[in-house]
C-alpha atoms as a PDB file:
ATOM      1  CA  UNK A   1      -4.794   3.338  11.158  1.00  0.00           C
ATOM      2  CA  UNK A   2      -8.365   3.584  10.358  1.00  0.00           C
ATOM      3  CA  UNK A   3     -10.582   0.167  11.012  1.00  0.00           C
ATOM      4  CA  UNK A   4     -10.854  -0.100   7.383  1.00  0.00           C
ATOM      5  CA  UNK A   5      -7.172   0.465   6.678  1.00  0.00           C
ATOM      6  CA  UNK A   6      -6.771  -2.651   8.956  1.00  0.00           C
ATOM      7  CA  UNK A   7      -8.963  -4.463   7.732  1.00  0.00           C
ATOM      8  CA  UNK A   8      -7.807  -3.805   3.756  1.00  0.00           C
ATOM      9  CA  UNK A   9      -4.100  -5.141   4.948  1.00  0.00           C
ATOM     10  CA  UNK A  10      -5.588  -7.995   6.788  1.00  0.00           C
ATOM     11  CA  UNK A  11      -8.137  -9.517   3.754  1.00  0.00           C
ATOM     12  CA  UNK A  12      -4.841  -8.348   1.744  1.00  0.00           C
ATOM     13  CA  UNK A  13      -3.024 -10.644   4.310  1.00  0.00           C
ATOM     14  CA  UNK A  14      -5.469 -13.729   3.440  1.00  0.00           C
ATOM     15  CA  UNK A  15      -3.926 -13.764  -0.188  1.00  0.00           C
ATOM     16  CA  UNK A  16      -2.031 -15.735  -1.943  1.00  0.00           C
ATOM     17  CA  UNK A  17       1.178 -14.464  -2.785  1.00  0.00           C
ATOM     18  CA  UNK A  18       0.529 -14.656  -6.810  1.00  0.00           C
ATOM     19  CA  UNK A  19      -2.635 -11.688  -6.247  1.00  0.00           C
ATOM     20  CA  UNK A  20      -0.649 -10.176  -2.964  1.00  0.00           C
ATOM     21  CA  UNK A  21       2.241  -9.148  -6.091  1.00  0.00           C
ATOM     22  CA  UNK A  22      -0.575  -8.170  -8.566  1.00  0.00           C
ATOM     23  CA  UNK A  23      -2.542  -5.536  -5.550  1.00  0.00           C
ATOM     24  CA  UNK A  24       0.907  -4.135  -4.859  1.00  0.00           C
ATOM     25  CA  UNK A  25       1.990  -3.039  -8.058  1.00  0.00           C
ATOM     26  CA  UNK A  26      -1.675  -1.592  -8.855  1.00  0.00           C
ATOM     27  CA  UNK A  27      -0.706   0.550  -6.001  1.00  0.00           C
ATOM     28  CA  UNK A  28       2.475   1.308  -5.920  1.00  0.00           C
ATOM     29  CA  UNK A  29       1.180   2.002  -9.797  1.00  0.00           C
ATOM     30  CA  UNK A  30      -0.747   4.691  -7.792  1.00  0.00           C
ATOM     31  CA  UNK A  31       1.531   6.246  -5.967  1.00  0.00           C
ATOM     32  CA  UNK A  32       3.752   7.439  -8.532  1.00  0.00           C
ATOM     33  CA  UNK A  33       0.879  10.760  -9.068  1.00  0.00           C
ATOM     34  CA  UNK A  34       1.185  10.919  -5.290  1.00  0.00           C
ATOM     35  CA  UNK A  35       3.384  14.872  -4.698  1.00  0.00           C
ATOM     36  CA  UNK A  36       5.094  14.120  -1.886  1.00  0.00           C
ATOM     37  CA  UNK A  37       6.908  16.631  -0.014  1.00  0.00           C
ATOM     38  CA  UNK A  38      11.037  15.548   0.160  1.00  0.00           C
ATOM     39  CA  UNK A  39      11.808  13.896   2.566  1.00  0.00           C
ATOM     40  CA  UNK A  40      14.185  15.170   5.906  1.00  0.00           C
ATOM     41  CA  UNK A  41      16.608  13.681   8.393  1.00  0.00           C
ATOM     42  CA  UNK A  42      13.558  12.593  10.671  1.00  0.00           C
ATOM     43  CA  UNK A  43      11.526  10.517   8.169  1.00  0.00           C
END
């Protein structure tokens, strides 16, 4: 995990619960557009 990712998660953890939910929903909406390969047994 990169340093910027770790810092982002640290900042996220410091947000109030309501803001964490808003950020999480915004990220999930963006993930819908990713083209993930199918999971295999190891995943």
